[in-house]
Amino acid sequence: MDTQTIAAISTPAGEGGIGIVRVSGSKAYEVADKVFRSAGGKRLAEIPGYTALFGAVYDGQERLDTAVALKFKGPKSYTGEDVIELSIHGGSRVLTRLLRAVLGAGARLAEPGEFTRRAFLNGKMDLTQAESVMQLIHARSDSELRMANAASMGLLSRDIEKLLDVLSELAASIAVFSDYPEEDLPQLDNGIFRKKLLTCQQALNEKLSRYDTGRMITEGIDTAIVGRPNVGKSTLMNLITGATRSLVTDIAGTTRDVIEDTVRFGGTILRLADTAGIHNTDEPIEQMGVDLAKARIGTADLVLAVFDTSRKPNTEDEQLIESLQGKTVIAVLNKSDCRAYDYKPLVSAFPTVAVSAREGTGLKELEKTIGQVVGTAGFDPSGATLLGERQRYAAVTALSSIEEAIKTLDSGFTIDAVGVCVDDAMQALCELIGKRVTTEVADQVFRHFCVGK
């Protein structure tokens, strides 16, 4: 690890009440004392850790601003090193001047995520906890915040450590049996061995299942609003978003392109797409809009299929229903305030919600049904959840190795062959939490961090 003293602005760009320049490393106190002068004349190197001093910061002999300097002493700091945080007024120019003064005093500019990377390398947190930092920063909903907090507290790490304990015990049994074949050792109990592997398999399957739901919470649900022309798709889009995102008229075919917006609907983030009315047309531009709508159905995680219940179902409605087979769909029966025709037989394969997009009724039921259909309704975000594709891939790799171990055991191969699969599973789980991680993997994780964190 690079042991140079590093510094960066740790508060967001722009203007604010407070701005912080963070300094970390073996010379943090020495560097900070060159730019900070306390009101009482005390030096930061002389005071105890976890103490604050009031004073001012300077660039050479030029006073920049009043300041509060907070001292942390390693290893009991965020990075595990000696740390100074200089808090001043949050103007972009004064923060830039202070950072330049700190760099001129002997620090170097921190790379993206370098403070958290040092915390990881110094054993202050594992890799899953480090990754949760950016999840906390970017959380857009209470559920996403709870997921990030659970990871930051080490819930996922503890679950993975339990699996590693089981696999380590199995690996040790195999090693003893294989290394000392001449000894009079009891035969390995394949039944118990298999039962423990199945326990690990079930635990990883549960983690991967939670990942899919967690991904919808963190990334949002790609949602397409579809239907034939003039059924109320754009009115529903505007109602959910709370703004006029789509033009609404009585003229069929008004929407010809895909109108997109992201909105928090209840506790779920929806990435909405209002599409052109799906119908048979000879008009080339309309047909382009219809093709875009059909393509959006193919890529959406969720489809809100809107039907105008004041009009009799026709062949275009039937064709739409046929095209939605195998998709996650909610049938939205619009114009419930003036409903005349029964669409229930047509949409019997899908959950249905009656709404009046014009009157604004039925939204609560739609919100509830979305949560039930995509699985977010019964999801506890405070539990241990895989965050991000790197963690998911490691879990999938470990699961594949465990399944191969079970298959190898059932096929009657030697116990050594089973041991290879167990070792592979352990390797993947160690990579997941960062016990064995390459420089390339660490670089991939921390390059997405902001400078200053």
Protein backbone atom coordinates (compact mmCIF):
# COMPACT_ATOMS: atom_id res chain seq x y z
CA MET A 1 0.00 0.00 0.00
CA ASP A 2 1.16 3.53 -0.80
CA THR A 3 1.92 5.11 2.58
CA GLN A 4 2.16 8.70 1.38
CA THR A 5 0.02 11.23 3.21
CA ILE A 6 -3.05 12.00 1.09
CA ALA A 7 -5.59 14.82 1.07
CA ALA A 8 -8.83 15.71 -0.69
CA ILE A 9 -12.01 17.73 -0.33
CA SER A 10 -14.54 15.35 1.26
CA THR A 11 -17.69 17.43 0.87
CA PRO A 12 -19.72 17.82 -2.36
CA ALA A 13 -18.77 20.36 -4.98
CA GLY A 14 -20.60 23.68 -4.83
CA GLU A 15 -21.50 26.06 -2.04
CA GLY A 16 -22.53 25.00 1.45
CA GLY A 17 -22.36 25.94 5.09
CA ILE A 18 -19.41 23.64 5.82
CA GLY A 19 -16.63 22.20 3.67
CA ILE A 20 -14.10 19.60 4.79
CA VAL A 21 -10.56 18.86 3.64
CA ARG A 22 -9.44 15.45 4.90
CA VAL A 23 -5.77 14.51 5.42
CA SER A 24 -4.66 10.93 6.13
CA GLY A 25 -1.26 9.31 6.60
CA SER A 26 1.80 9.18 8.81
CA LYS A 27 2.54 12.89 8.27
CA ALA A 28 -1.06 14.12 8.57
CA TYR A 29 -0.36 16.16 11.74
CA GLU A 30 2.84 17.63 10.36
CA VAL A 31 1.12 18.67 7.11
CA ALA A 32 -1.94 20.11 8.87
CA ASP A 33 0.19 22.11 11.33
CA LYS A 34 1.73 23.94 8.36
CA VAL A 35 -1.64 25.35 7.26
CA PHE A 36 -3.65 25.50 10.52
CA ARG A 37 -3.02 27.82 13.48
CA SER A 38 -5.14 27.36 16.58
CA ALA A 39 -6.51 30.34 18.49
CA GLY A 40 -4.66 29.24 21.64
CA GLY A 41 -1.37 28.48 19.93
CA LYS A 42 -1.56 24.68 20.36
CA ARG A 43 -0.22 22.45 17.62
CA LEU A 44 -2.20 19.49 16.31
CA ALA A 45 0.76 17.16 16.84
CA GLU A 46 0.71 17.97 20.58
CA ILE A 47 -2.95 17.41 21.47
CA PRO A 48 -4.64 14.05 22.21
CA GLY A 49 -6.54 12.20 19.54
CA TYR A 50 -10.28 12.84 19.06
CA THR A 51 -9.83 16.48 20.03
CA ALA A 52 -10.96 19.59 18.14
CA LEU A 53 -9.19 22.95 17.94
CA PHE A 54 -10.60 26.27 16.75
CA GLY A 55 -8.40 28.57 14.70
CA ALA A 56 -7.71 29.61 11.12
CA VAL A 57 -6.19 28.14 7.97
CA TYR A 58 -3.49 29.84 5.90
CA ASP A 59 -1.96 29.61 2.47
CA GLY A 60 1.54 30.77 3.28
CA GLN A 61 1.00 34.02 5.21
CA GLU A 62 -2.45 34.66 3.72
CA ARG A 63 -5.32 33.87 6.04
CA LEU A 64 -8.01 31.92 4.14
CA ASP A 65 -10.78 31.31 6.67
CA THR A 66 -11.65 30.42 10.24
CA ALA A 67 -11.51 26.68 10.80
CA VAL A 68 -12.06 23.77 13.16
CA ALA A 69 -9.42 21.03 13.07
CA LEU A 70 -10.48 17.57 14.27
CA LYS A 71 -7.74 15.07 15.13
CA PHE A 72 -8.08 11.29 14.82
CA LYS A 73 -5.27 8.97 15.86
CA GLY A 74 -4.62 5.74 14.02
CA PRO A 75 -5.56 2.96 14.12
CA LYS A 76 -8.85 4.25 15.59
CA SER A 77 -9.81 6.34 12.58
CA TYR A 78 -11.77 5.82 9.38
CA THR A 79 -8.66 4.90 7.39
CA GLY A 80 -6.78 3.28 10.25
CA GLU A 81 -4.12 6.01 9.91
CA ASP A 82 -3.56 9.38 11.55
CA VAL A 83 -6.25 11.70 10.18
CA ILE A 84 -6.97 15.43 10.34
CA GLU A 85 -10.24 16.95 9.12
CA LEU A 86 -10.19 20.70 8.50
CA SER A 87 -13.70 22.18 8.50
CA ILE A 88 -14.17 25.62 6.98
CA HIS A 89 -16.95 27.51 5.20
CA GLY A 90 -18.16 25.57 2.18
CA GLY A 91 -17.27 27.87 -0.67
CA SER A 92 -15.70 26.17 -3.67
CA ARG A 93 -12.88 28.75 -4.00
CA VAL A 94 -11.80 28.74 -0.36
CA LEU A 95 -11.86 24.92 -0.28
CA THR A 96 -9.73 24.76 -3.41
CA ARG A 97 -7.23 27.22 -1.92
CA LEU A 98 -7.03 25.22 1.31
CA LEU A 99 -6.51 21.94 -0.56
CA ARG A 100 -3.71 23.50 -2.60
CA ALA A 101 -2.09 24.72 0.60
CA VAL A 102 -2.28 21.24 2.13
CA LEU A 103 -0.77 19.68 -1.00
CA GLY A 104 1.98 22.31 -0.91
CA ALA A 105 2.67 21.34 2.71
CA GLY A 106 3.61 17.78 1.74
CA ALA A 107 0.47 15.76 1.03
CA ARG A 108 -0.54 14.39 -2.36
CA LEU A 109 -4.01 14.43 -3.89
CA ALA A 110 -6.01 11.34 -2.98
CA GLU A 111 -7.25 9.10 -5.77
CA PRO A 112 -10.96 8.20 -6.07
CA GLY A 113 -11.97 6.08 -3.08
CA GLU A 114 -8.47 6.06 -1.62
CA PHE A 115 -9.55 6.87 1.94
CA THR A 116 -11.95 3.91 1.93
CA ARG A 117 -9.40 1.74 0.14
CA ARG A 118 -6.92 2.41 2.96
CA ALA A 119 -9.64 1.55 5.48
CA PHE A 120 -10.10 -1.78 3.68
CA LEU A 121 -6.36 -2.50 3.42
CA ASN A 122 -5.87 -1.59 7.09
CA GLY A 123 -8.59 -4.03 8.18
CA LYS A 124 -11.13 -1.40 9.23
CA MET A 125 -13.75 -2.98 6.97
CA ASP A 126 -14.06 -5.83 4.49
CA LEU A 127 -14.78 -5.40 0.79
CA THR A 128 -18.57 -5.71 1.08
CA GLN A 129 -18.60 -3.01 3.75
CA ALA A 130 -16.40 -0.81 1.58
CA GLU A 131 -18.80 -1.21 -1.34
CA SER A 132 -21.72 -0.27 0.91
CA VAL A 133 -20.21 3.20 1.39
CA MET A 134 -21.18 4.32 -2.12
CA GLN A 135 -24.57 2.64 -1.75
CA LEU A 136 -25.15 4.81 1.33
CA ILE A 137 -24.09 7.94 -0.52
CA HIS A 138 -26.28 7.24 -3.54
CA ALA A 139 -29.35 5.82 -1.72
CA ARG A 140 -32.55 7.25 -3.22
CA SER A 141 -35.11 5.46 -1.04
CA ASP A 142 -35.48 4.28 2.55
CA SER A 143 -35.25 0.65 1.39
CA GLU A 144 -31.99 1.29 -0.44
CA LEU A 145 -30.64 3.09 2.63
CA ARG A 146 -31.51 0.13 4.87
CA MET A 147 -29.83 -2.30 2.47
CA ALA A 148 -26.66 -0.23 2.47
CA ASN A 149 -26.71 0.09 6.26
CA ALA A 150 -27.11 -3.67 6.66
CA ALA A 151 -24.04 -4.22 4.47
CA SER A 152 -22.03 -1.53 6.26
CA MET A 153 -22.73 -3.27 9.59
CA GLY A 154 -21.30 -6.50 8.18
CA LEU A 155 -24.48 -8.61 8.00
CA LEU A 156 -23.58 -10.07 4.60
CA SER A 157 -19.98 -10.65 5.67
CA ARG A 158 -21.08 -12.59 8.75
CA ASP A 159 -23.34 -14.83 6.66
CA ILE A 160 -20.52 -15.52 4.20
CA GLU A 161 -18.10 -16.22 7.07
CA LYS A 162 -20.54 -18.87 8.39
CA LEU A 163 -20.52 -20.57 4.99
CA LEU A 164 -16.73 -20.42 4.91
CA ASP A 165 -16.61 -22.07 8.35
CA VAL A 166 -18.72 -24.98 7.08
CA LEU A 167 -16.67 -25.36 3.90
CA SER A 168 -13.39 -25.06 5.82
CA GLU A 169 -14.46 -27.90 8.10
CA LEU A 170 -15.27 -30.05 5.05
CA ALA A 171 -11.97 -29.16 3.38
CA ALA A 172 -10.05 -30.02 6.55
CA SER A 173 -11.76 -33.42 6.76
CA ILE A 174 -10.88 -34.16 3.14
CA ALA A 175 -7.26 -33.06 3.67
CA VAL A 176 -6.76 -35.29 6.69
CA PHE A 177 -8.33 -38.29 4.96
CA SER A 178 -6.29 -37.73 1.77
CA ASP A 179 -2.92 -36.90 3.37
CA TYR A 180 -2.87 -39.82 5.79
CA PRO A 181 -4.37 -42.77 3.90
CA GLU A 182 -2.24 -45.24 5.85
CA GLU A 183 -3.72 -44.16 9.17
CA ASP A 184 -6.68 -46.01 10.62
CA LEU A 185 -9.12 -43.11 10.21
CA PRO A 186 -12.90 -43.46 10.17
CA GLN A 187 -14.52 -43.20 6.75
CA LEU A 188 -16.02 -39.86 5.86
CA ASP A 189 -19.79 -39.90 6.24
CA ASN A 190 -21.03 -39.00 2.77
CA GLY A 191 -24.52 -38.36 4.11
CA ILE A 192 -23.37 -35.72 6.59
CA PHE A 193 -20.96 -34.31 4.00
CA ARG A 194 -23.77 -33.95 1.45
CA LYS A 195 -26.14 -32.41 4.00
CA LYS A 196 -23.63 -29.65 4.78
CA LEU A 197 -23.11 -28.94 1.08
CA LEU A 198 -26.87 -28.71 0.59
CA THR A 199 -27.08 -26.22 3.45
CA CYS A 200 -24.51 -24.01 1.72
CA GLN A 201 -26.32 -24.41 -1.59
CA GLN A 202 -29.63 -23.30 -0.09
CA ALA A 203 -28.06 -20.29 1.63
CA LEU A 204 -26.46 -19.07 -1.60
CA ASN A 205 -29.67 -19.61 -3.58
CA GLU A 206 -31.48 -17.43 -1.04
CA LYS A 207 -28.82 -14.73 -1.35
CA LEU A 208 -29.12 -14.72 -5.15
CA SER A 209 -32.89 -14.56 -4.96
CA ARG A 210 -32.66 -11.54 -2.65
CA TYR A 211 -30.18 -9.95 -5.05
CA ASP A 212 -32.74 -9.84 -7.86
CA THR A 213 -35.24 -8.03 -5.63
CA GLY A 214 -32.54 -5.81 -4.15
CA ARG A 215 -31.39 -4.84 -7.65
CA MET A 216 -34.89 -3.61 -8.44
CA ILE A 217 -34.80 -1.48 -5.29
CA THR A 218 -31.37 0.02 -5.97
CA GLU A 219 -31.56 0.37 -9.76
CA GLY A 220 -35.30 0.77 -10.21
CA ILE A 221 -37.76 -1.31 -12.20
CA ASP A 222 -37.72 -0.85 -15.97
CA THR A 223 -41.47 -0.33 -16.54
CA ALA A 224 -43.24 -0.01 -19.88
CA ILE A 225 -46.76 1.46 -20.12
CA VAL A 226 -48.41 -0.09 -23.18
CA GLY A 227 -51.81 -0.39 -24.81
CA ARG A 228 -53.68 0.55 -27.95
CA PRO A 229 -54.10 4.25 -28.80
CA ASN A 230 -56.08 6.57 -26.53
CA VAL A 231 -56.59 4.14 -23.64
CA GLY A 232 -55.05 6.55 -21.10
CA LYS A 233 -51.39 5.55 -21.09
CA SER A 234 -50.08 9.12 -21.07
CA THR A 235 -52.61 10.20 -18.42
CA LEU A 236 -51.45 7.29 -16.23
CA MET A 237 -47.80 8.28 -16.81
CA ASN A 238 -48.53 11.86 -15.73
CA LEU A 239 -50.51 10.66 -12.71
CA ILE A 240 -47.70 8.40 -11.44
CA THR A 241 -44.96 10.98 -12.01
CA GLY A 242 -47.04 13.86 -10.64
CA ALA A 243 -46.06 16.00 -13.61
CA THR A 244 -47.04 16.53 -17.24
CA ARG A 245 -44.44 14.31 -18.86
CA SER A 246 -46.62 13.06 -21.71
CA LEU A 247 -48.91 15.11 -23.95
CA VAL A 248 -52.56 14.12 -23.46
CA THR A 249 -55.21 14.75 -26.14
CA ASP A 250 -58.32 13.03 -27.49
CA ILE A 251 -56.49 12.45 -30.77
CA ALA A 252 -55.29 8.87 -31.18
CA GLY A 253 -51.58 8.48 -31.92
CA THR A 254 -50.41 11.62 -30.09
CA THR A 255 -47.54 9.70 -28.47
CA ARG A 256 -45.20 8.47 -31.20
CA ASP A 257 -41.89 8.23 -29.35
CA VAL A 258 -41.03 6.69 -25.98
CA ILE A 259 -41.41 9.21 -23.13
CA GLU A 260 -39.25 8.29 -20.10
CA ASP A 261 -39.02 9.34 -16.47
CA THR A 262 -37.84 7.89 -13.16
CA VAL A 263 -40.10 8.22 -10.13
CA ARG A 264 -40.38 6.80 -6.62
CA PHE A 265 -43.81 5.19 -6.50
CA GLY A 266 -44.46 4.24 -2.89
CA GLY A 267 -41.30 2.47 -1.79
CA THR A 268 -40.31 1.38 -5.30
CA ILE A 269 -38.35 3.26 -7.96
CA LEU A 270 -39.93 2.92 -11.40
CA ARG A 271 -38.08 3.76 -14.61
CA LEU A 272 -41.20 4.55 -16.58
CA ALA A 273 -41.60 4.52 -20.35
CA ASP A 274 -44.81 5.79 -21.94
CA THR A 275 -45.01 4.15 -25.38
CA ALA A 276 -46.96 4.76 -28.56
CA GLY A 277 -50.32 3.05 -28.95
CA ILE A 278 -49.92 -0.47 -30.32
CA HIS A 279 -52.22 -0.92 -33.31
CA ASN A 280 -52.25 -1.84 -36.97
CA THR A 281 -51.28 1.12 -39.16
CA ASP A 282 -50.04 1.90 -42.65
CA GLU A 283 -48.60 5.28 -41.57
CA PRO A 284 -44.76 4.92 -41.54
CA ILE A 285 -44.04 7.26 -38.60
CA GLU A 286 -46.81 5.72 -36.49
CA GLN A 287 -45.43 2.27 -37.33
CA MET A 288 -42.00 3.32 -36.06
CA GLY A 289 -43.60 4.28 -32.74
CA VAL A 290 -45.44 0.94 -32.60
CA ASP A 291 -42.17 -0.92 -33.25
CA LEU A 292 -40.45 1.00 -30.44
CA ALA A 293 -43.32 0.11 -28.07
CA LYS A 294 -43.06 -3.59 -28.95
CA ALA A 295 -39.28 -3.50 -28.46
CA ARG A 296 -39.75 -1.89 -25.05
CA ILE A 297 -42.03 -4.74 -23.99
CA GLY A 298 -39.20 -7.15 -24.72
CA THR A 299 -36.70 -5.38 -22.45
CA ALA A 300 -38.98 -4.25 -19.58
CA ASP A 301 -38.90 -5.82 -16.12
CA LEU A 302 -42.56 -4.87 -15.66
CA VAL A 303 -45.34 -4.05 -18.14
CA LEU A 304 -48.38 -1.97 -17.23
CA ALA A 305 -50.88 -2.96 -19.93
CA VAL A 306 -53.61 -0.31 -20.04
CA PHE A 307 -57.12 -1.05 -21.33
CA ASP A 308 -59.99 1.39 -21.86
CA THR A 309 -62.97 -0.33 -20.24
CA SER A 310 -65.38 2.19 -21.73
CA ARG A 311 -64.67 0.63 -25.13
CA LYS A 312 -65.39 -2.92 -26.18
CA PRO A 313 -62.32 -5.21 -26.37
CA ASN A 314 -61.13 -5.77 -29.94
CA THR A 315 -58.60 -7.86 -31.81
CA GLU A 316 -55.79 -5.37 -31.07
CA ASP A 317 -56.36 -5.90 -27.32
CA GLU A 318 -56.28 -9.65 -27.88
CA GLN A 319 -53.05 -9.38 -29.91
CA LEU A 320 -51.48 -7.27 -27.15
CA ILE A 321 -52.39 -9.86 -24.51
CA GLU A 322 -50.90 -12.61 -26.66
CA SER A 323 -47.65 -10.63 -27.06
CA LEU A 324 -47.34 -10.26 -23.27
CA GLN A 325 -47.25 -13.98 -22.47
CA GLY A 326 -44.22 -14.84 -20.35
CA LYS A 327 -43.73 -11.24 -19.20
CA THR A 328 -44.33 -9.73 -15.76
CA VAL A 329 -47.56 -7.84 -16.40
CA ILE A 330 -50.20 -5.90 -14.51
CA ALA A 331 -53.42 -5.24 -16.42
CA VAL A 332 -54.57 -1.69 -15.68
CA LEU A 333 -58.31 -1.38 -16.33
CA ASN A 334 -58.69 2.35 -16.95
CA LYS A 335 -61.78 4.57 -16.83
CA SER A 336 -63.24 2.66 -13.91
CA ASP A 337 -65.45 5.68 -13.27
CA CYS A 338 -67.36 4.93 -16.46
CA ARG A 339 -66.70 1.23 -16.99
CA ALA A 340 -69.11 -0.53 -19.33
CA TYR A 341 -67.32 -3.62 -20.63
CA ASP A 342 -65.89 -6.58 -18.74
CA TYR A 343 -62.21 -7.11 -19.52
CA LYS A 344 -61.64 -9.72 -16.81
CA PRO A 345 -61.86 -12.77 -19.15
CA LEU A 346 -59.36 -11.17 -21.53
CA VAL A 347 -56.78 -10.41 -18.83
CA SER A 348 -57.46 -13.37 -16.52
CA ALA A 349 -53.81 -14.51 -16.75
CA PHE A 350 -52.53 -11.30 -15.10
CA PRO A 351 -53.10 -9.38 -11.86
CA THR A 352 -55.57 -6.56 -12.52
CA VAL A 353 -56.07 -3.10 -11.04
CA ALA A 354 -59.03 -0.82 -11.77
CA VAL A 355 -58.09 2.86 -12.02
CA SER A 356 -59.37 6.13 -13.32
CA ALA A 357 -56.31 7.94 -14.61
CA ARG A 358 -58.43 11.03 -15.23
CA GLU A 359 -59.92 11.09 -11.70
CA GLY A 360 -56.73 9.90 -10.00
CA THR A 361 -58.29 6.86 -8.31
CA GLY A 362 -56.81 3.38 -7.92
CA LEU A 363 -53.18 4.51 -7.49
CA LYS A 364 -52.81 3.01 -4.01
CA GLU A 365 -54.03 -0.35 -5.26
CA LEU A 366 -51.66 -0.13 -8.24
CA GLU A 367 -48.76 0.69 -5.92
CA LYS A 368 -49.61 -2.30 -3.72
CA THR A 369 -49.97 -4.66 -6.68
CA ILE A 370 -46.63 -3.60 -8.18
CA GLY A 371 -44.91 -4.42 -4.88
CA GLN A 372 -46.57 -7.84 -4.77
CA VAL A 373 -45.83 -8.70 -8.40
CA VAL A 374 -42.13 -7.74 -8.46
CA GLY A 375 -41.49 -9.08 -4.94
CA THR A 376 -40.58 -5.84 -3.19
CA ALA A 377 -43.68 -5.91 -0.95
CA GLY A 378 -42.44 -8.74 1.28
CA PHE A 379 -38.76 -7.86 1.00
CA ASP A 380 -36.92 -6.92 4.21
CA PRO A 381 -34.18 -4.48 3.16
CA SER A 382 -32.56 -4.73 6.60
CA GLY A 383 -31.40 -8.28 5.88
CA ALA A 384 -28.10 -9.38 4.37
CA THR A 385 -28.21 -8.66 0.63
CA LEU A 386 -25.69 -8.92 -2.18
CA LEU A 387 -24.91 -5.46 -3.55
CA GLY A 388 -23.67 -5.15 -7.10
CA GLU A 389 -22.65 -7.41 -9.95
CA ARG A 390 -19.21 -8.24 -8.49
CA GLN A 391 -20.75 -9.76 -5.37
CA ARG A 392 -23.42 -11.57 -7.38
CA TYR A 393 -20.82 -13.10 -9.71
CA ALA A 394 -18.75 -14.34 -6.75
CA ALA A 395 -21.87 -15.91 -5.19
CA VAL A 396 -22.84 -17.57 -8.50
CA THR A 397 -19.31 -18.96 -8.86
CA ALA A 398 -19.38 -20.35 -5.31
CA LEU A 399 -22.82 -21.87 -5.87
CA SER A 400 -21.70 -23.52 -9.10
CA SER A 401 -18.71 -25.08 -7.32
CA ILE A 402 -20.89 -26.38 -4.47
CA GLU A 403 -23.36 -27.90 -6.94
CA GLU A 404 -20.44 -29.53 -8.73
CA ALA A 405 -19.21 -30.90 -5.39
CA ILE A 406 -22.63 -32.45 -4.71
CA LYS A 407 -22.73 -33.93 -8.22
CA THR A 408 -19.19 -35.29 -7.84
CA LEU A 409 -20.03 -36.83 -4.46
CA ASP A 410 -23.21 -38.46 -5.80
CA SER A 411 -21.33 -39.85 -8.82
CA GLY A 412 -18.97 -41.80 -6.61
CA PHE A 413 -15.74 -40.00 -7.50
CA THR A 414 -12.86 -39.92 -5.04
CA ILE A 415 -13.07 -37.50 -2.15
CA ASP A 416 -10.10 -35.58 -3.60
CA ALA A 417 -12.27 -34.55 -6.56
CA VAL A 418 -14.93 -33.24 -4.18
CA GLY A 419 -12.22 -31.32 -2.33
CA VAL A 420 -11.23 -29.43 -5.47
CA CYS A 421 -14.82 -28.18 -5.84
CA VAL A 422 -14.98 -27.18 -2.16
CA ASP A 423 -11.72 -25.24 -2.49
CA ASP A 424 -13.09 -23.42 -5.54
CA ALA A 425 -16.23 -22.43 -3.61
CA MET A 426 -14.13 -21.13 -0.72
CA GLN A 427 -11.97 -19.11 -3.12
CA ALA A 428 -15.04 -17.41 -4.59
CA LEU A 429 -16.50 -16.58 -1.17
CA CYS A 430 -13.16 -15.21 0.03
CA GLU A 431 -13.08 -12.96 -3.02
CA LEU A 432 -16.63 -11.81 -2.27
CA ILE A 433 -15.71 -10.40 1.15
CA GLY A 434 -12.15 -9.47 0.17
CA LYS A 435 -10.15 -12.05 2.10
CA ARG A 436 -8.36 -12.97 -1.10
CA VAL A 437 -8.59 -10.18 -3.62
CA THR A 438 -6.35 -9.15 -6.49
CA THR A 439 -5.20 -5.60 -7.12
CA GLU A 440 -7.33 -5.59 -10.28
CA VAL A 441 -10.50 -6.39 -8.31
CA ALA A 442 -9.72 -3.72 -5.70
CA ASP A 443 -9.09 -1.19 -8.47
CA GLN A 444 -12.43 -2.06 -10.04
CA VAL A 445 -14.27 -1.51 -6.75
CA PHE A 446 -12.68 1.77 -5.72
CA ARG A 447 -12.45 3.50 -9.10
CA HIS A 448 -16.21 4.14 -8.87
CA PHE A 449 -15.80 6.11 -5.62
CA CYS A 450 -15.71 9.88 -5.49
CA VAL A 451 -12.47 11.68 -4.60
CA GLY A 452 -12.51 12.45 -0.88
CA LYS A 453 -14.17 9.18 0.10
